[in-house]
Amino acid sequence: MRMSVGVDLHKSQFTVYWRSDDGITGRDERYPTTNDGYRR
């Protein structure tokens, strides 16, 4: 299964969204813009 990834960067957090190319499966996760958030 192929996936597309999008990243939305803000001052205090960023959101990463994964979506399968068939458009059926998707998920998003939010992380703080800290060293720990970037590592995760």
C-alpha atoms as a PDB file:
ATOM      1  CA  MET A   1       0.000   0.000   0.000  1.00  0.00           C
ATOM      2  CA  ARG A   2       1.353   3.411  -0.937  1.00  0.00           C
ATOM      3  CA  MET A   3       0.929   6.344   1.426  1.00  0.00           C
ATOM      4  CA  SER A   4       0.970  10.114   1.081  1.00  0.00           C
ATOM      5  CA  VAL A   5       2.203  12.301   3.923  1.00  0.00           C
ATOM      6  CA  GLY A   6       1.373  15.924   4.676  1.00  0.00           C
ATOM      7  CA  VAL A   7       2.859  18.170   7.369  1.00  0.00           C
ATOM      8  CA  ASP A   8       1.284  21.361   8.699  1.00  0.00           C
ATOM      9  CA  LEU A   9       3.763  23.393  10.751  1.00  0.00           C
ATOM     10  CA  HIS A  10       2.683  26.026  13.291  1.00  0.00           C
ATOM     11  CA  LYS A  11       4.523  27.986  15.922  1.00  0.00           C
ATOM     12  CA  SER A  12       3.659  25.703  18.880  1.00  0.00           C
ATOM     13  CA  GLN A  13       2.818  22.387  17.163  1.00  0.00           C
ATOM     14  CA  PHE A  14       2.874  20.497  13.894  1.00  0.00           C
ATOM     15  CA  THR A  15       0.431  17.995  12.462  1.00  0.00           C
ATOM     16  CA  VAL A  16       1.429  14.992  10.372  1.00  0.00           C
ATOM     17  CA  TYR A  17      -1.242  13.311   8.243  1.00  0.00           C
ATOM     18  CA  TRP A  18      -0.829   9.919   6.562  1.00  0.00           C
ATOM     19  CA  ARG A  19      -3.317   8.806   3.915  1.00  0.00           C
ATOM     20  CA  SER A  20      -3.388   5.711   1.757  1.00  0.00           C
ATOM     21  CA  ASP A  21      -3.461   6.385  -1.955  1.00  0.00           C
ATOM     22  CA  ASP A  22      -6.880   4.714  -2.158  1.00  0.00           C
ATOM     23  CA  GLY A  23      -8.178   7.493   0.141  1.00  0.00           C
ATOM     24  CA  ILE A  24      -9.812   5.040   2.535  1.00  0.00           C
ATOM     25  CA  THR A  25      -7.210   4.851   5.294  1.00  0.00           C
ATOM     26  CA  GLY A  26      -5.868   7.977   6.986  1.00  0.00           C
ATOM     27  CA  ARG A  27      -4.605   9.161  10.338  1.00  0.00           C
ATOM     28  CA  ASP A  28      -3.162  12.296  11.842  1.00  0.00           C
ATOM     29  CA  GLU A  29      -0.954  12.990  14.820  1.00  0.00           C
ATOM     30  CA  ARG A  30      -0.019  16.255  16.512  1.00  0.00           C
ATOM     31  CA  TYR A  31       3.339  16.981  18.078  1.00  0.00           C
ATOM     32  CA  PRO A  32       4.741  19.981  19.939  1.00  0.00           C
ATOM     33  CA  THR A  33       7.486  21.990  18.244  1.00  0.00           C
ATOM     34  CA  THR A  34      10.075  20.884  20.767  1.00  0.00           C
ATOM     35  CA  ASN A  35      13.129  18.654  20.424  1.00  0.00           C
ATOM     36  CA  ASP A  36      11.088  15.716  21.764  1.00  0.00           C
ATOM     37  CA  GLY A  37       8.235  16.436  19.341  1.00  0.00           C
ATOM     38  CA  TYR A  38      10.615  16.555  16.370  1.00  0.00           C
ATOM     39  CA  ARG A  39      12.207  13.235  17.417  1.00  0.00           C
ATOM     40  CA  ARG A  40       8.824  11.511  17.666  1.00  0.00           C
END
